Amino acid sequence: MPLLRDKIIGHDLERLAFRFTMMSDSEAVQCQISDAAMDALAGMQGTESSARQAQFLSLRETIERIASDIYDEAPRVHGYVVRIFMRHLGR
């Protein structure tokens, strides 16, 4: 079952990832995409932290589709975090 759009949390400078949530029925699913993966989707490198939200918004549909696909393949464990890395982009 596809995940549905929920909230933007924002850029995590410590983890070098952009965090957001999606919904599975009534449960919020924590998601994140690495900076490297988001830059690869955008066809650029080294995006500033302050520009990550705009970058996420421009790629949101693609990122959310990838997150939903990963979630569908994942084991059903409460608290599972969907993490998108470069290896997930060739799907």
PDB file of N, CA and C in Angstrom:
ATOM      1  N   MET A   1       0.849  -1.184   0.000  1.00  0.00           N
ATOM      2  CA  MET A   1       0.000   0.000   0.000  1.00  0.00           C
ATOM      3  C   MET A   1       0.890   1.242   0.000  1.00  0.00           C
ATOM      4  N   PRO A   2       0.675   2.161  -0.902  1.00  0.00           N
ATOM      5  CA  PRO A   2       1.530   3.348  -0.973  1.00  0.00           C
ATOM      6  C   PRO A   2       1.387   4.240   0.260  1.00  0.00           C
ATOM      7  N   LEU A   3       2.508   4.826   0.629  1.00  0.00           N
ATOM      8  CA  LEU A   3       2.486   5.812   1.701  1.00  0.00           C
ATOM      9  C   LEU A   3       1.886   7.103   1.165  1.00  0.00           C
ATOM     10  N   LEU A   4       1.312   7.885   2.052  1.00  0.00           N
ATOM     11  CA  LEU A   4       0.725   9.161   1.681  1.00  0.00           C
ATOM     12  C   LEU A   4       1.541  10.307   2.262  1.00  0.00           C
ATOM     13  N   ARG A   5       1.552  11.420   1.573  1.00  0.00           N
ATOM     14  CA  ARG A   5       2.306  12.615   1.967  1.00  0.00           C
ATOM     15  C   ARG A   5       1.886  13.090   3.353  1.00  0.00           C
ATOM     16  N   ASP A   6       2.892  13.512   4.125  1.00  0.00           N
ATOM     17  CA  ASP A   6       2.607  14.074   5.448  1.00  0.00           C
ATOM     18  C   ASP A   6       3.463  15.322   5.633  1.00  0.00           C
ATOM     19  N   LYS A   7       4.310  15.359   6.619  1.00  0.00           N
ATOM     20  CA  LYS A   7       5.002  16.592   7.013  1.00  0.00           C
ATOM     21  C   LYS A   7       6.468  16.632   6.596  1.00  0.00           C
ATOM     22  N   ILE A   8       6.942  17.843   6.403  1.00  0.00           N
ATOM     23  CA  ILE A   8       8.365  18.091   6.204  1.00  0.00           C
ATOM     24  C   ILE A   8       8.960  18.402   7.576  1.00  0.00           C
ATOM     25  N   ILE A   9      10.029  17.711   7.928  1.00  0.00           N
ATOM     26  CA  ILE A   9      10.709  17.997   9.190  1.00  0.00           C
ATOM     27  C   ILE A   9      11.869  18.953   8.934  1.00  0.00           C
ATOM     28  N   GLY A  10      12.671  18.669   7.922  1.00  0.00           N
ATOM     29  CA  GLY A  10      13.748  19.574   7.547  1.00  0.00           C
ATOM     30  C   GLY A  10      15.097  18.891   7.467  1.00  0.00           C
ATOM     31  N   HIS A  11      16.109  19.694   7.194  1.00  0.00           N
ATOM     32  CA  HIS A  11      17.458  19.180   6.997  1.00  0.00           C
ATOM     33  C   HIS A  11      18.119  18.889   8.334  1.00  0.00           C
ATOM     34  N   ASP A  12      18.729  17.719   8.425  1.00  0.00           N
ATOM     35  CA  ASP A  12      19.466  17.303   9.616  1.00  0.00           C
ATOM     36  C   ASP A  12      20.945  17.416   9.280  1.00  0.00           C
ATOM     37  N   LEU A  13      21.569  18.484   9.747  1.00  0.00           N
ATOM     38  CA  LEU A  13      22.968  18.753   9.427  1.00  0.00           C
ATOM     39  C   LEU A  13      23.894  17.699  10.018  1.00  0.00           C
ATOM     40  N   GLU A  14      23.509  17.138  11.148  1.00  0.00           N
ATOM     41  CA  GLU A  14      24.330  16.111  11.797  1.00  0.00           C
ATOM     42  C   GLU A  14      24.356  14.818  10.982  1.00  0.00           C
ATOM     43  N   ARG A  15      23.220  14.438  10.420  1.00  0.00           N
ATOM     44  CA  ARG A  15      23.127  13.191   9.639  1.00  0.00           C
ATOM     45  C   ARG A  15      23.313  13.408   8.140  1.00  0.00           C
ATOM     46  N   LEU A  16      23.399  14.664   7.713  1.00  0.00           N
ATOM     47  CA  LEU A  16      23.487  15.006   6.291  1.00  0.00           C
ATOM     48  C   LEU A  16      22.357  14.338   5.507  1.00  0.00           C
ATOM     49  N   ALA A  17      21.150  14.585   6.005  1.00  0.00           N
ATOM     50  CA  ALA A  17      19.954  14.008   5.389  1.00  0.00           C
ATOM     51  C   ALA A  17      18.785  14.960   5.586  1.00  0.00           C
ATOM     52  N   PHE A  18      17.797  14.837   4.710  1.00  0.00           N
ATOM     53  CA  PHE A  18      16.579  15.637   4.817  1.00  0.00           C
ATOM     54  C   PHE A  18      15.492  14.722   5.355  1.00  0.00           C
ATOM     55  N   ARG A  19      14.811  15.158   6.414  1.00  0.00           N
ATOM     56  CA  ARG A  19      13.824  14.321   7.096  1.00  0.00           C
ATOM     57  C   ARG A  19      12.400  14.777   6.788  1.00  0.00           C
ATOM     58  N   PHE A  20      11.500  13.796   6.670  1.00  0.00           N
ATOM     59  CA  PHE A  20      10.089  14.056   6.415  1.00  0.00           C
ATOM     60  C   PHE A  20       9.288  12.854   6.913  1.00  0.00           C
ATOM     61  N   THR A  21       7.980  13.010   6.995  1.00  0.00           N
ATOM     62  CA  THR A  21       7.138  11.879   7.382  1.00  0.00           C
ATOM     63  C   THR A  21       6.112  11.607   6.287  1.00  0.00           C
ATOM     64  N   MET A  22       5.676  10.361   6.263  1.00  0.00           N
ATOM     65  CA  MET A  22       4.602   9.951   5.374  1.00  0.00           C
ATOM     66  C   MET A  22       3.647   9.113   6.214  1.00  0.00           C
ATOM     67  N   MET A  23       2.447   8.905   5.723  1.00  0.00           N
ATOM     68  CA  MET A  23       1.432   8.183   6.493  1.00  0.00           C
ATOM     69  C   MET A  23       1.140   6.812   5.879  1.00  0.00           C
ATOM     70  N   SER A  24       1.061   5.813   6.761  1.00  0.00           N
ATOM     71  CA  SER A  24       0.601   4.485   6.409  1.00  0.00           C
ATOM     72  C   SER A  24      -0.621   4.240   7.272  1.00  0.00           C
ATOM     73  N   ASP A  25      -1.788   4.287   6.662  1.00  0.00           N
ATOM     74  CA  ASP A  25      -3.059   4.292   7.405  1.00  0.00           C
ATOM     75  C   ASP A  25      -3.020   5.477   8.377  1.00  0.00           C
ATOM     76  N   SER A  26      -3.065   5.217   9.667  1.00  0.00           N
ATOM     77  CA  SER A  26      -3.058   6.325  10.631  1.00  0.00           C
ATOM     78  C   SER A  26      -1.710   6.454  11.342  1.00  0.00           C
ATOM     79  N   GLU A  27      -0.698   5.732  10.857  1.00  0.00           N
ATOM     80  CA  GLU A  27       0.627   5.751  11.481  1.00  0.00           C
ATOM     81  C   GLU A  27       1.600   6.618  10.675  1.00  0.00           C
ATOM     82  N   ALA A  28       2.278   7.522  11.375  1.00  0.00           N
ATOM     83  CA  ALA A  28       3.317   8.328  10.731  1.00  0.00           C
ATOM     84  C   ALA A  28       4.578   7.487  10.574  1.00  0.00           C
ATOM     85  N   VAL A  29       5.153   7.518   9.383  1.00  0.00           N
ATOM     86  CA  VAL A  29       6.376   6.784   9.082  1.00  0.00           C
ATOM     87  C   VAL A  29       7.493   7.805   8.901  1.00  0.00           C
ATOM     88  N   GLN A  30       8.548   7.676   9.705  1.00  0.00           N
ATOM     89  CA  GLN A  30       9.696   8.576   9.601  1.00  0.00           C
ATOM     90  C   GLN A  30      10.490   8.216   8.348  1.00  0.00           C
ATOM     91  N   CYS A  31      10.879   9.233   7.580  1.00  0.00           N
ATOM     92  CA  CYS A  31      11.627   9.023   6.345  1.00  0.00           C
ATOM     93  C   CYS A  31      12.776  10.022   6.279  1.00  0.00           C
ATOM     94  N   GLN A  32      13.808   9.651   5.555  1.00  0.00           N
ATOM     95  CA  GLN A  32      14.900  10.593   5.291  1.00  0.00           C
ATOM     96  C   GLN A  32      15.612  10.198   4.008  1.00  0.00           C
ATOM     97  N   ILE A  33      16.172  11.209   3.361  1.00  0.00           N
ATOM     98  CA  ILE A  33      16.965  10.995   2.158  1.00  0.00           C
ATOM     99  C   ILE A  33      18.321  11.649   2.377  1.00  0.00           C
ATOM    100  N   SER A  34      19.371  10.923   2.035  1.00  0.00           N
ATOM    101  CA  SER A  34      20.717  11.466   2.217  1.00  0.00           C
ATOM    102  C   SER A  34      20.930  12.667   1.292  1.00  0.00           C
ATOM    103  N   ASP A  35      21.800  13.568   1.729  1.00  0.00           N
ATOM    104  CA  ASP A  35      22.131  14.729   0.898  1.00  0.00           C
ATOM    105  C   ASP A  35      22.677  14.282  -0.452  1.00  0.00           C
ATOM    106  N   ALA A  36      23.525  13.249  -0.448  1.00  0.00           N
ATOM    107  CA  ALA A  36      24.122  12.767  -1.695  1.00  0.00           C
ATOM    108  C   ALA A  36      23.055  12.250  -2.652  1.00  0.00           C
ATOM    109  N   ALA A  37      22.081  11.514  -2.117  1.00  0.00           N
ATOM    110  CA  ALA A  37      21.014  10.984  -2.971  1.00  0.00           C
ATOM    111  C   ALA A  37      20.148  12.116  -3.524  1.00  0.00           C
ATOM    112  N   MET A  38      19.855  13.101  -2.696  1.00  0.00           N
ATOM    113  CA  MET A  38      19.019  14.207  -3.167  1.00  0.00           C
ATOM    114  C   MET A  38      19.771  15.021  -4.222  1.00  0.00           C
ATOM    115  N   ASP A  39      21.064  15.243  -4.017  1.00  0.00           N
ATOM    116  CA  ASP A  39      21.854  15.940  -5.032  1.00  0.00           C
ATOM    117  C   ASP A  39      21.892  15.157  -6.338  1.00  0.00           C
ATOM    118  N   ALA A  40      22.027  13.836  -6.252  1.00  0.00           N
ATOM    119  CA  ALA A  40      22.067  13.011  -7.468  1.00  0.00           C
ATOM    120  C   ALA A  40      20.747  13.112  -8.226  1.00  0.00           C
ATOM    121  N   LEU A  41      19.640  13.094  -7.512  1.00  0.00           N
ATOM    122  CA  LEU A  41      18.334  13.252  -8.178  1.00  0.00           C
ATOM    123  C   LEU A  41      18.224  14.603  -8.871  1.00  0.00           C
ATOM    124  N   ALA A  42      18.809  15.624  -8.252  1.00  0.00           N
ATOM    125  CA  ALA A  42      18.738  16.978  -8.809  1.00  0.00           C
ATOM    126  C   ALA A  42      19.800  17.226  -9.879  1.00  0.00           C
ATOM    127  N   GLY A  43      20.760  16.311 -10.005  1.00  0.00           N
ATOM    128  CA  GLY A  43      21.831  16.479 -10.989  1.00  0.00           C
ATOM    129  C   GLY A  43      22.824  17.552 -10.590  1.00  0.00           C
ATOM    130  N   MET A  44      23.087  17.649  -9.290  1.00  0.00           N
ATOM    131  CA  MET A  44      24.039  18.651  -8.801  1.00  0.00           C
ATOM    132  C   MET A  44      24.820  18.076  -7.634  1.00  0.00           C
ATOM    133  N   GLN A  45      25.762  18.861  -7.112  1.00  0.00           N
ATOM    134  CA  GLN A  45      26.561  18.441  -5.962  1.00  0.00           C
ATOM    135  C   GLN A  45      26.721  19.595  -4.997  1.00  0.00           C
ATOM    136  N   GLY A  46      26.844  19.260  -3.709  1.00  0.00           N
ATOM    137  CA  GLY A  46      27.210  20.250  -2.706  1.00  0.00           C
ATOM    138  C   GLY A  46      26.168  21.316  -2.415  1.00  0.00           C
ATOM    139  N   THR A  47      24.897  20.975  -2.472  1.00  0.00           N
ATOM    140  CA  THR A  47      23.847  21.946  -2.169  1.00  0.00           C
ATOM    141  C   THR A  47      23.983  22.425  -0.731  1.00  0.00           C
ATOM    142  N   GLU A  48      23.860  23.713  -0.515  1.00  0.00           N
ATOM    143  CA  GLU A  48      23.946  24.289   0.828  1.00  0.00           C
ATOM    144  C   GLU A  48      22.781  23.810   1.688  1.00  0.00           C
ATOM    145  N   SER A  49      23.029  23.699   2.972  1.00  0.00           N
ATOM    146  CA  SER A  49      21.999  23.276   3.922  1.00  0.00           C
ATOM    147  C   SER A  49      20.763  24.167   3.835  1.00  0.00           C
ATOM    148  N   SER A  50      20.974  25.456   3.658  1.00  0.00           N
ATOM    149  CA  SER A  50      19.861  26.405   3.615  1.00  0.00           C
ATOM    150  C   SER A  50      18.974  26.221   2.377  1.00  0.00           C
ATOM    151  N   ALA A  51      19.473  25.521   1.358  1.00  0.00           N
ATOM    152  CA  ALA A  51      18.703  25.310   0.129  1.00  0.00           C
ATOM    153  C   ALA A  51      18.071  23.920   0.058  1.00  0.00           C
ATOM    154  N   ARG A  52      18.270  23.120   1.089  1.00  0.00           N
ATOM    155  CA  ARG A  52      17.765  21.742   1.055  1.00  0.00           C
ATOM    156  C   ARG A  52      16.242  21.658   0.994  1.00  0.00           C
ATOM    157  N   GLN A  53      15.531  22.516   1.707  1.00  0.00           N
ATOM    158  CA  GLN A  53      14.074  22.429   1.682  1.00  0.00           C
ATOM    159  C   GLN A  53      13.530  22.722   0.284  1.00  0.00           C
ATOM    160  N   ALA A  54      14.052  23.736  -0.364  1.00  0.00           N
ATOM    161  CA  ALA A  54      13.616  24.054  -1.723  1.00  0.00           C
ATOM    162  C   ALA A  54      13.948  22.894  -2.670  1.00  0.00           C
ATOM    163  N   GLN A  55      15.114  22.297  -2.481  1.00  0.00           N
ATOM    164  CA  GLN A  55      15.498  21.155  -3.305  1.00  0.00           C
ATOM    165  C   GLN A  55      14.533  19.986  -3.070  1.00  0.00           C
ATOM    166  N   PHE A  56      14.205  19.717  -1.803  1.00  0.00           N
ATOM    167  CA  PHE A  56      13.269  18.649  -1.485  1.00  0.00           C
ATOM    168  C   PHE A  56      11.911  18.907  -2.136  1.00  0.00           C
ATOM    169  N   LEU A  57      11.428  20.130  -2.024  1.00  0.00           N
ATOM    170  CA  LEU A  57      10.119  20.460  -2.595  1.00  0.00           C
ATOM    171  C   LEU A  57      10.093  20.250  -4.111  1.00  0.00           C
ATOM    172  N   SER A  58      11.189  20.570  -4.773  1.00  0.00           N
ATOM    173  CA  SER A  58      11.224  20.405  -6.228  1.00  0.00           C
ATOM    174  C   SER A  58      11.270  18.932  -6.641  1.00  0.00           C
ATOM    175  N   LEU A  59      11.748  18.067  -5.743  1.00  0.00           N
ATOM    176  CA  LEU A  59      11.876  16.639  -6.031  1.00  0.00           C
ATOM    177  C   LEU A  59      10.893  15.780  -5.236  1.00  0.00           C
ATOM    178  N   ARG A  60       9.973  16.420  -4.544  1.00  0.00           N
ATOM    179  CA  ARG A  60       9.142  15.737  -3.548  1.00  0.00           C
ATOM    180  C   ARG A  60       8.402  14.512  -4.082  1.00  0.00           C
ATOM    181  N   GLU A  61       7.771  14.621  -5.227  1.00  0.00           N
ATOM    182  CA  GLU A  61       7.009  13.481  -5.756  1.00  0.00           C
ATOM    183  C   GLU A  61       7.904  12.275  -6.001  1.00  0.00           C
ATOM    184  N   THR A  62       9.053  12.501  -6.585  1.00  0.00           N
ATOM    185  CA  THR A  62       9.992  11.408  -6.857  1.00  0.00           C
ATOM    186  C   THR A  62      10.505  10.799  -5.558  1.00  0.00           C
ATOM    187  N   ILE A  63      10.904  11.643  -4.620  1.00  0.00           N
ATOM    188  CA  ILE A  63      11.422  11.166  -3.331  1.00  0.00           C
ATOM    189  C   ILE A  63      10.356  10.367  -2.592  1.00  0.00           C
ATOM    190  N   GLU A  64       9.131  10.854  -2.578  1.00  0.00           N
ATOM    191  CA  GLU A  64       8.060  10.148  -1.881  1.00  0.00           C
ATOM    192  C   GLU A  64       7.720   8.816  -2.552  1.00  0.00           C
ATOM    193  N   ARG A  65       7.819   8.747  -3.861  1.00  0.00           N
ATOM    194  CA  ARG A  65       7.582   7.478  -4.558  1.00  0.00           C
ATOM    195  C   ARG A  65       8.651   6.461  -4.172  1.00  0.00           C
ATOM    196  N   ILE A  66       9.908   6.896  -4.136  1.00  0.00           N
ATOM    197  CA  ILE A  66      11.005   6.006  -3.744  1.00  0.00           C
ATOM    198  C   ILE A  66      10.806   5.539  -2.300  1.00  0.00           C
ATOM    199  N   ALA A  67      10.460   6.463  -1.409  1.00  0.00           N
ATOM    200  CA  ALA A  67      10.235   6.110  -0.004  1.00  0.00           C
ATOM    201  C   ALA A  67       9.106   5.083   0.120  1.00  0.00           C
ATOM    202  N   SER A  68       8.041   5.278  -0.612  1.00  0.00           N
ATOM    203  CA  SER A  68       6.907   4.360  -0.565  1.00  0.00           C
ATOM    204  C   SER A  68       7.306   2.978  -1.082  1.00  0.00           C
ATOM    205  N   ASP A  69       8.095   2.926  -2.149  1.00  0.00           N
ATOM    206  CA  ASP A  69       8.567   1.643  -2.690  1.00  0.00           C
ATOM    207  C   ASP A  69       9.445   0.915  -1.675  1.00  0.00           C
ATOM    208  N   ILE A  70      10.342   1.643  -1.021  1.00  0.00           N
ATOM    209  CA  ILE A  70      11.215   1.036  -0.007  1.00  0.00           C
ATOM    210  C   ILE A  70      10.377   0.509   1.147  1.00  0.00           C
ATOM    211  N   TYR A  71       9.395   1.281   1.574  1.00  0.00           N
ATOM    212  CA  TYR A  71       8.536   0.877   2.677  1.00  0.00           C
ATOM    213  C   TYR A  71       7.763  -0.399   2.331  1.00  0.00           C
ATOM    214  N   ASP A  72       7.274  -0.490   1.113  1.00  0.00           N
ATOM    215  CA  ASP A  72       6.519  -1.672   0.686  1.00  0.00           C
ATOM    216  C   ASP A  72       7.372  -2.939   0.730  1.00  0.00           C
ATOM    217  N   GLU A  73       8.688  -2.794   0.522  1.00  0.00           N
ATOM    218  CA  GLU A  73       9.598  -3.947   0.517  1.00  0.00           C
ATOM    219  C   GLU A  73      10.155  -4.254   1.904  1.00  0.00           C
ATOM    220  N   ALA A  74       9.952  -3.372   2.861  1.00  0.00           N
ATOM    221  CA  ALA A  74      10.566  -3.502   4.190  1.00  0.00           C
ATOM    222  C   ALA A  74       9.752  -4.424   5.090  1.00  0.00           C
ATOM    223  N   PRO A  75      10.427  -5.018   6.065  1.00  0.00           N
ATOM    224  CA  PRO A  75       9.678  -5.806   7.056  1.00  0.00           C
ATOM    225  C   PRO A  75       8.802  -4.878   7.889  1.00  0.00           C
ATOM    226  N   ARG A  76       7.671  -5.359   8.304  1.00  0.00           N
ATOM    227  CA  ARG A  76       6.730  -4.551   9.091  1.00  0.00           C
ATOM    228  C   ARG A  76       7.157  -4.531  10.558  1.00  0.00           C
ATOM    229  N   VAL A  77       8.001  -3.580  10.887  1.00  0.00           N
ATOM    230  CA  VAL A  77       8.498  -3.415  12.244  1.00  0.00           C
ATOM    231  C   VAL A  77       8.090  -2.027  12.717  1.00  0.00           C
ATOM    232  N   HIS A  78       7.449  -1.978  13.878  1.00  0.00           N
ATOM    233  CA  HIS A  78       7.035  -0.683  14.419  1.00  0.00           C
ATOM    234  C   HIS A  78       8.266   0.202  14.617  1.00  0.00           C
ATOM    235  N   GLY A  79       8.194   1.437  14.146  1.00  0.00           N
ATOM    236  CA  GLY A  79       9.299   2.381  14.286  1.00  0.00           C
ATOM    237  C   GLY A  79      10.303   2.327  13.150  1.00  0.00           C
ATOM    238  N   TYR A  80      10.036   1.518  12.129  1.00  0.00           N
ATOM    239  CA  TYR A  80      10.941   1.425  10.977  1.00  0.00           C
ATOM    240  C   TYR A  80      11.087   2.801  10.334  1.00  0.00           C
ATOM    241  N   VAL A  81      12.327   3.187  10.048  1.00  0.00           N
ATOM    242  CA  VAL A  81      12.620   4.461   9.395  1.00  0.00           C
ATOM    243  C   VAL A  81      13.024   4.177   7.953  1.00  0.00           C
ATOM    244  N   VAL A  82      12.350   4.810   7.012  1.00  0.00           N
ATOM    245  CA  VAL A  82      12.694   4.675   5.598  1.00  0.00           C
ATOM    246  C   VAL A  82      13.871   5.602   5.327  1.00  0.00           C
ATOM    247  N   ARG A  83      14.984   5.014   4.909  1.00  0.00           N
ATOM    248  CA  ARG A  83      16.189   5.792   4.609  1.00  0.00           C
ATOM    249  C   ARG A  83      16.540   5.600   3.131  1.00  0.00           C
ATOM    250  N   ILE A  84      16.615   6.708   2.407  1.00  0.00           N
ATOM    251  CA  ILE A  84      16.926   6.658   0.979  1.00  0.00           C
ATOM    252  C   ILE A  84      18.390   7.054   0.795  1.00  0.00           C
ATOM    253  N   PHE A  85      19.143   6.148   0.162  1.00  0.00           N
ATOM    254  CA  PHE A  85      20.552   6.387  -0.143  1.00  0.00           C
ATOM    255  C   PHE A  85      20.750   6.299  -1.657  1.00  0.00           C
ATOM    256  N   MET A  86      21.959   6.562  -2.097  1.00  0.00           N
ATOM    257  CA  MET A  86      22.287   6.523  -3.527  1.00  0.00           C
ATOM    258  C   MET A  86      21.898   5.175  -4.150  1.00  0.00           C
ATOM    259  N   ARG A  87      22.086   4.097  -3.437  1.00  0.00           N
ATOM    260  CA  ARG A  87      21.819   2.761  -3.992  1.00  0.00           C
ATOM    261  C   ARG A  87      20.335   2.555  -4.343  1.00  0.00           C
ATOM    262  N   HIS A  88      19.467   3.377  -3.809  1.00  0.00           N
ATOM    263  CA  HIS A  88      18.033   3.235  -4.077  1.00  0.00           C
ATOM    264  C   HIS A  88      17.574   3.997  -5.329  1.00  0.00           C
ATOM    265  N   LEU A  89      18.441   4.761  -5.941  1.00  0.00           N
ATOM    266  CA  LEU A  89      18.013   5.662  -7.017  1.00  0.00           C
ATOM    267  C   LEU A  89      17.812   4.980  -8.364  1.00  0.00           C
ATOM    268  N   GLY A  90      18.402   3.854  -8.601  1.00  0.00           N
ATOM    269  CA  GLY A  90      18.288   3.213  -9.908  1.00  0.00           C
ATOM    270  C   GLY A  90      17.030   2.400 -10.079  1.00  0.00           C
ATOM    271  N   ARG A  91      16.074   2.552  -9.210  1.00  0.00           N
ATOM    272  CA  ARG A  91      14.865   1.715  -9.214  1.00  0.00           C
ATOM    273  C   ARG A  91      13.931   2.076 -10.335  1.00  0.00           C
TER     274      ARG A  91
END
